[in-house]
Amino acid sequence: MRRLSLAIAAVLTLAGASAHAQNLGVAAGQAANLSLGAPVRDIVVGDPMIADVSLVGERTLVVMGKRPGVTTIMAFDAAGRTLANRQIVVSENGGGSLTVYRGNTSALNYACGEQCTKITPRP
């Protein structure tokens, strides 16, 4: 049952997230769009080695996965209000993210496709 839940979550993540979702999954070498409720003025990418963003029109971002990992993308309107603040999970060949818990104190995070790649937390 847990495996089915993970598969459903991965499919929903990759099918395209709405602007209200917390995470957006994309495979390395692939792209996903993110529609926003207002025109964008500024975009910030936490780690441009993991993902990049292009603005298509004034309300649509295209997020491109570059290499497996996790980063954050933020978009702001002309008044400086936050339109989007999303965690981007880039996997190797599609898939999604996976967290493995060991006891109560440790968890390992992976970006998964055909294979899972360990996501190293940023300091």
N, C-alpha and C. Protein backbone atom coordinates (compact mmCIF):
# COMPACT_ATOMS: atom_id res chain seq x y z
N MET A 1 0.82 -1.20 0.00
CA MET A 1 0.00 0.00 0.00
C MET A 1 0.86 1.26 0.00
N ARG A 2 1.95 1.25 0.79
CA ARG A 2 2.85 2.41 0.83
C ARG A 2 3.47 2.64 -0.54
N ARG A 3 3.84 1.57 -1.24
CA ARG A 3 4.43 1.70 -2.57
C ARG A 3 3.43 2.34 -3.53
N LEU A 4 2.16 1.94 -3.44
CA LEU A 4 1.12 2.53 -4.28
C LEU A 4 0.97 4.01 -3.97
N SER A 5 1.00 4.37 -2.69
CA SER A 5 0.89 5.78 -2.30
C SER A 5 2.04 6.59 -2.85
N LEU A 6 3.26 6.04 -2.79
CA LEU A 6 4.42 6.73 -3.34
C LEU A 6 4.29 6.90 -4.85
N ALA A 7 3.80 5.87 -5.53
CA ALA A 7 3.64 5.96 -6.98
C ALA A 7 2.61 7.01 -7.35
N ILE A 8 1.50 7.06 -6.63
CA ILE A 8 0.47 8.05 -6.90
C ILE A 8 1.01 9.46 -6.64
N ALA A 9 1.73 9.63 -5.55
CA ALA A 9 2.31 10.94 -5.24
C ALA A 9 3.28 11.38 -6.33
N ALA A 10 4.11 10.46 -6.82
CA ALA A 10 5.06 10.79 -7.88
C ALA A 10 4.35 11.20 -9.15
N VAL A 11 3.31 10.47 -9.53
CA VAL A 11 2.56 10.78 -10.75
C VAL A 11 1.90 12.14 -10.62
N LEU A 12 1.28 12.42 -9.48
CA LEU A 12 0.62 13.71 -9.29
C LEU A 12 1.63 14.85 -9.31
N THR A 13 2.80 14.63 -8.72
CA THR A 13 3.83 15.66 -8.71
C THR A 13 4.31 15.95 -10.11
N LEU A 14 4.56 14.92 -10.90
CA LEU A 14 5.08 15.13 -12.25
C LEU A 14 4.02 15.56 -13.24
N ALA A 15 2.76 15.34 -12.93
CA ALA A 15 1.70 15.73 -13.85
C ALA A 15 1.57 17.24 -13.95
N GLY A 16 2.24 17.96 -13.05
CA GLY A 16 2.18 19.42 -13.08
C GLY A 16 1.51 19.91 -11.81
N ALA A 17 2.21 20.75 -11.11
CA ALA A 17 1.68 21.25 -9.85
C ALA A 17 1.01 22.59 -10.08
N SER A 18 0.00 22.87 -9.32
CA SER A 18 -0.64 24.18 -9.40
C SER A 18 0.20 25.17 -8.62
N ALA A 19 -0.12 26.43 -8.74
CA ALA A 19 0.62 27.47 -8.04
C ALA A 19 0.45 27.36 -6.53
N HIS A 20 -0.55 26.61 -6.05
CA HIS A 20 -0.79 26.49 -4.63
C HIS A 20 -0.06 25.30 -4.01
N ALA A 21 0.54 24.45 -4.79
CA ALA A 21 1.21 23.27 -4.26
C ALA A 21 2.52 23.66 -3.60
N GLN A 22 3.02 22.85 -2.67
CA GLN A 22 4.26 23.14 -1.98
C GLN A 22 5.48 22.70 -2.78
N ASN A 23 5.40 21.56 -3.46
CA ASN A 23 6.54 21.01 -4.19
C ASN A 23 6.22 20.89 -5.66
N LEU A 24 7.26 20.97 -6.48
CA LEU A 24 7.12 20.73 -7.90
C LEU A 24 8.21 19.75 -8.29
N GLY A 25 7.84 18.60 -8.83
CA GLY A 25 8.81 17.61 -9.26
C GLY A 25 9.04 17.72 -10.76
N VAL A 26 10.29 17.58 -11.16
CA VAL A 26 10.65 17.61 -12.58
C VAL A 26 11.88 16.73 -12.77
N ALA A 27 11.95 16.04 -13.89
CA ALA A 27 13.11 15.20 -14.18
C ALA A 27 14.23 16.05 -14.75
N ALA A 28 15.47 15.63 -14.52
CA ALA A 28 16.61 16.31 -15.11
C ALA A 28 16.47 16.27 -16.63
N GLY A 29 16.69 17.39 -17.28
CA GLY A 29 16.55 17.46 -18.73
C GLY A 29 15.13 17.68 -19.21
N GLN A 30 14.18 17.81 -18.28
CA GLN A 30 12.78 18.03 -18.62
C GLN A 30 12.33 19.38 -18.06
N ALA A 31 11.09 19.76 -18.39
CA ALA A 31 10.56 21.04 -17.92
C ALA A 31 9.13 20.86 -17.43
N ALA A 32 8.70 21.75 -16.56
CA ALA A 32 7.33 21.79 -16.06
C ALA A 32 6.93 23.25 -15.94
N ASN A 33 5.62 23.53 -16.10
CA ASN A 33 5.21 24.93 -15.99
C ASN A 33 4.54 25.19 -14.65
N LEU A 34 4.58 26.45 -14.27
CA LEU A 34 4.00 26.91 -13.02
C LEU A 34 3.24 28.19 -13.33
N SER A 35 1.91 28.14 -13.25
CA SER A 35 1.08 29.31 -13.54
C SER A 35 0.88 30.11 -12.26
N LEU A 36 0.92 31.44 -12.40
CA LEU A 36 0.81 32.32 -11.25
C LEU A 36 -0.41 33.22 -11.38
N GLY A 37 -0.87 33.78 -10.27
CA GLY A 37 -2.08 34.58 -10.25
C GLY A 37 -1.90 36.04 -10.62
N ALA A 38 -0.67 36.49 -10.81
CA ALA A 38 -0.41 37.89 -11.15
C ALA A 38 0.88 37.97 -11.98
N PRO A 39 1.11 39.09 -12.65
CA PRO A 39 2.34 39.24 -13.42
C PRO A 39 3.59 39.19 -12.53
N VAL A 40 4.63 38.56 -13.04
CA VAL A 40 5.89 38.39 -12.31
C VAL A 40 6.85 39.52 -12.66
N ARG A 41 7.54 40.02 -11.64
CA ARG A 41 8.61 40.99 -11.89
C ARG A 41 9.99 40.39 -11.63
N ASP A 42 10.13 39.67 -10.52
CA ASP A 42 11.44 39.10 -10.15
C ASP A 42 11.30 37.62 -9.86
N ILE A 43 12.37 36.86 -10.23
CA ILE A 43 12.43 35.42 -9.97
C ILE A 43 13.77 35.12 -9.32
N VAL A 44 13.73 34.28 -8.29
CA VAL A 44 14.95 33.86 -7.59
C VAL A 44 15.01 32.34 -7.61
N VAL A 45 16.18 31.79 -7.99
CA VAL A 45 16.41 30.35 -7.95
C VAL A 45 17.48 30.09 -6.90
N GLY A 46 17.16 29.23 -5.93
CA GLY A 46 18.09 28.95 -4.84
C GLY A 46 19.41 28.36 -5.31
N ASP A 47 19.36 27.34 -6.15
CA ASP A 47 20.57 26.69 -6.65
C ASP A 47 20.42 26.48 -8.15
N PRO A 48 20.96 27.40 -8.96
CA PRO A 48 20.83 27.29 -10.41
C PRO A 48 21.56 26.10 -11.03
N MET A 49 22.33 25.36 -10.25
CA MET A 49 22.96 24.14 -10.75
C MET A 49 21.94 22.99 -10.78
N ILE A 50 20.86 23.09 -10.02
CA ILE A 50 19.84 22.05 -9.95
C ILE A 50 18.67 22.34 -10.89
N ALA A 51 18.21 23.59 -10.92
CA ALA A 51 17.08 23.95 -11.78
C ALA A 51 17.24 25.37 -12.28
N ASP A 52 16.57 25.65 -13.39
CA ASP A 52 16.58 26.99 -13.97
C ASP A 52 15.13 27.35 -14.28
N VAL A 53 14.87 28.64 -14.47
CA VAL A 53 13.51 29.11 -14.74
C VAL A 53 13.52 30.09 -15.90
N SER A 54 12.50 29.97 -16.75
CA SER A 54 12.26 30.96 -17.81
C SER A 54 10.86 31.51 -17.61
N LEU A 55 10.69 32.78 -17.95
CA LEU A 55 9.39 33.41 -17.87
C LEU A 55 8.75 33.36 -19.25
N VAL A 56 7.54 32.78 -19.33
CA VAL A 56 6.80 32.68 -20.58
C VAL A 56 5.53 33.50 -20.39
N GLY A 57 5.41 34.61 -21.07
CA GLY A 57 4.31 35.52 -20.78
C GLY A 57 4.62 36.20 -19.46
N GLU A 58 3.62 36.80 -18.86
CA GLU A 58 3.89 37.48 -17.59
C GLU A 58 3.41 36.71 -16.37
N ARG A 59 2.73 35.56 -16.59
CA ARG A 59 2.19 34.79 -15.46
C ARG A 59 2.56 33.31 -15.48
N THR A 60 3.48 32.91 -16.34
CA THR A 60 3.85 31.50 -16.42
C THR A 60 5.36 31.33 -16.35
N LEU A 61 5.79 30.49 -15.41
CA LEU A 61 7.19 30.12 -15.29
C LEU A 61 7.38 28.73 -15.87
N VAL A 62 8.48 28.50 -16.55
CA VAL A 62 8.86 27.17 -16.98
C VAL A 62 10.09 26.79 -16.19
N VAL A 63 9.98 25.71 -15.41
CA VAL A 63 11.06 25.24 -14.55
C VAL A 63 11.74 24.09 -15.26
N MET A 64 13.06 24.20 -15.45
CA MET A 64 13.84 23.17 -16.13
C MET A 64 14.76 22.47 -15.15
N GLY A 65 14.63 21.14 -15.07
CA GLY A 65 15.49 20.35 -14.20
C GLY A 65 16.86 20.17 -14.83
N LYS A 66 17.91 20.46 -14.07
CA LYS A 66 19.27 20.34 -14.60
C LYS A 66 19.99 19.10 -14.07
N ARG A 67 19.94 18.89 -12.75
CA ARG A 67 20.56 17.71 -12.15
C ARG A 67 19.80 17.35 -10.88
N PRO A 68 19.86 16.07 -10.45
CA PRO A 68 19.09 15.65 -9.27
C PRO A 68 19.45 16.47 -8.03
N GLY A 69 18.43 16.81 -7.30
CA GLY A 69 18.60 17.57 -6.07
C GLY A 69 17.34 18.34 -5.75
N VAL A 70 17.46 19.21 -4.75
CA VAL A 70 16.33 20.02 -4.30
C VAL A 70 16.79 21.47 -4.23
N THR A 71 15.94 22.37 -4.71
CA THR A 71 16.20 23.79 -4.61
C THR A 71 14.88 24.51 -4.41
N THR A 72 14.93 25.82 -4.33
CA THR A 72 13.74 26.63 -4.14
C THR A 72 13.65 27.67 -5.25
N ILE A 73 12.43 27.92 -5.71
CA ILE A 73 12.18 28.98 -6.68
C ILE A 73 11.15 29.92 -6.07
N MET A 74 11.44 31.22 -6.15
CA MET A 74 10.53 32.23 -5.63
C MET A 74 10.24 33.23 -6.74
N ALA A 75 8.98 33.70 -6.81
CA ALA A 75 8.58 34.71 -7.79
C ALA A 75 7.85 35.83 -7.05
N PHE A 76 8.10 37.07 -7.49
CA PHE A 76 7.54 38.25 -6.83
C PHE A 76 6.87 39.15 -7.85
N ASP A 77 5.81 39.87 -7.42
CA ASP A 77 5.15 40.81 -8.32
C ASP A 77 5.82 42.18 -8.21
N ALA A 78 5.28 43.19 -8.91
CA ALA A 78 5.88 44.52 -8.95
C ALA A 78 5.89 45.20 -7.57
N ALA A 79 4.97 44.82 -6.69
CA ALA A 79 4.93 45.39 -5.35
C ALA A 79 5.82 44.62 -4.36
N GLY A 80 6.49 43.57 -4.84
CA GLY A 80 7.35 42.78 -3.97
C GLY A 80 6.65 41.67 -3.23
N ARG A 81 5.36 41.45 -3.52
CA ARG A 81 4.61 40.37 -2.87
C ARG A 81 5.03 39.03 -3.48
N THR A 82 5.06 38.00 -2.65
CA THR A 82 5.43 36.66 -3.09
C THR A 82 4.28 36.02 -3.86
N LEU A 83 4.53 35.65 -5.10
CA LEU A 83 3.55 34.94 -5.92
C LEU A 83 3.75 33.43 -5.83
N ALA A 84 4.98 33.01 -5.67
CA ALA A 84 5.30 31.58 -5.55
C ALA A 84 6.55 31.43 -4.71
N ASN A 85 6.54 30.40 -3.90
CA ASN A 85 7.71 29.99 -3.11
C ASN A 85 7.65 28.48 -3.08
N ARG A 86 8.28 27.82 -4.04
CA ARG A 86 8.14 26.38 -4.24
C ARG A 86 9.47 25.67 -4.07
N GLN A 87 9.40 24.51 -3.45
CA GLN A 87 10.54 23.61 -3.40
C GLN A 87 10.50 22.80 -4.69
N ILE A 88 11.61 22.75 -5.40
CA ILE A 88 11.72 22.02 -6.66
C ILE A 88 12.53 20.77 -6.40
N VAL A 89 11.96 19.59 -6.71
CA VAL A 89 12.64 18.31 -6.55
C VAL A 89 12.97 17.80 -7.95
N VAL A 90 14.26 17.76 -8.28
CA VAL A 90 14.70 17.28 -9.59
C VAL A 90 15.20 15.86 -9.44
N SER A 91 14.61 14.95 -10.21
CA SER A 91 15.01 13.55 -10.19
C SER A 91 15.73 13.21 -11.48
N GLU A 92 16.33 12.02 -11.54
CA GLU A 92 17.10 11.63 -12.72
C GLU A 92 16.25 11.48 -13.97
N ASN A 93 15.24 10.64 -13.95
CA ASN A 93 14.45 10.34 -15.15
C ASN A 93 12.97 10.29 -14.84
N GLY A 94 12.48 11.25 -14.16
CA GLY A 94 11.08 11.21 -13.74
C GLY A 94 11.01 10.57 -12.37
N GLY A 95 9.86 10.47 -11.82
CA GLY A 95 9.73 9.89 -10.50
C GLY A 95 9.31 10.95 -9.53
N GLY A 96 9.96 11.07 -8.44
CA GLY A 96 9.60 12.04 -7.43
C GLY A 96 10.59 11.99 -6.32
N SER A 97 10.13 12.30 -5.13
CA SER A 97 11.03 12.27 -3.99
C SER A 97 10.62 11.15 -3.04
N LEU A 98 11.57 10.72 -2.24
CA LEU A 98 11.37 9.64 -1.30
C LEU A 98 12.15 9.96 -0.04
N THR A 99 11.54 9.74 1.11
CA THR A 99 12.21 9.93 2.39
C THR A 99 12.25 8.59 3.12
N VAL A 100 13.44 8.20 3.57
CA VAL A 100 13.63 6.95 4.31
C VAL A 100 13.93 7.32 5.76
N TYR A 101 13.10 6.83 6.68
CA TYR A 101 13.28 7.11 8.09
C TYR A 101 13.97 5.94 8.77
N ARG A 102 14.92 6.27 9.63
CA ARG A 102 15.62 5.28 10.44
C ARG A 102 15.44 5.65 11.89
N GLY A 103 14.51 4.97 12.54
CA GLY A 103 14.21 5.30 13.93
C GLY A 103 13.54 6.65 14.01
N ASN A 104 13.68 7.30 15.15
CA ASN A 104 13.04 8.59 15.36
C ASN A 104 13.94 9.77 15.07
N THR A 105 15.22 9.52 14.80
CA THR A 105 16.15 10.64 14.74
C THR A 105 16.75 10.92 13.37
N SER A 106 16.68 10.01 12.43
CA SER A 106 17.34 10.30 11.16
C SER A 106 16.43 10.00 9.98
N ALA A 107 16.61 10.78 8.93
CA ALA A 107 15.86 10.60 7.69
C ALA A 107 16.80 10.90 6.53
N LEU A 108 16.71 10.09 5.49
CA LEU A 108 17.48 10.30 4.28
C LEU A 108 16.51 10.65 3.16
N ASN A 109 16.84 11.67 2.37
CA ASN A 109 15.97 12.11 1.29
C ASN A 109 16.60 11.77 -0.06
N TYR A 110 15.74 11.33 -1.00
CA TYR A 110 16.19 10.93 -2.32
C TYR A 110 15.30 11.56 -3.39
N ALA A 111 15.90 11.92 -4.53
CA ALA A 111 15.17 12.29 -5.74
C ALA A 111 15.20 11.04 -6.60
N CYS A 112 14.02 10.54 -7.02
CA CYS A 112 13.95 9.24 -7.67
C CYS A 112 13.43 9.31 -9.10
N GLY A 113 14.00 8.47 -9.92
CA GLY A 113 13.56 8.21 -11.28
C GLY A 113 13.70 6.73 -11.47
N GLU A 114 14.43 6.31 -12.51
CA GLU A 114 14.76 4.89 -12.65
C GLU A 114 15.65 4.46 -11.49
N GLN A 115 16.47 5.39 -11.03
CA GLN A 115 17.30 5.15 -9.85
C GLN A 115 17.06 6.32 -8.91
N CYS A 116 17.33 6.12 -7.62
CA CYS A 116 17.20 7.20 -6.65
C CYS A 116 18.58 7.78 -6.35
N THR A 117 18.65 9.09 -6.25
CA THR A 117 19.88 9.80 -5.94
C THR A 117 19.70 10.48 -4.59
N LYS A 118 20.64 10.23 -3.68
CA LYS A 118 20.57 10.83 -2.35
C LYS A 118 20.70 12.34 -2.47
N ILE A 119 19.80 13.04 -1.78
CA ILE A 119 19.83 14.49 -1.76
C ILE A 119 20.61 14.91 -0.53
N THR A 120 21.71 15.58 -0.74
CA THR A 120 22.54 16.04 0.37
C THR A 120 21.98 17.35 0.88
N PRO A 121 21.67 17.44 2.18
CA PRO A 121 21.14 18.70 2.70
C PRO A 121 22.15 19.81 2.59
N ARG A 122 21.65 21.01 2.32
CA ARG A 122 22.54 22.17 2.26
C ARG A 122 22.85 22.64 3.67
N PRO A 123 24.08 23.12 3.88
CA PRO A 123 24.45 23.60 5.23
C PRO A 123 23.67 24.83 5.64
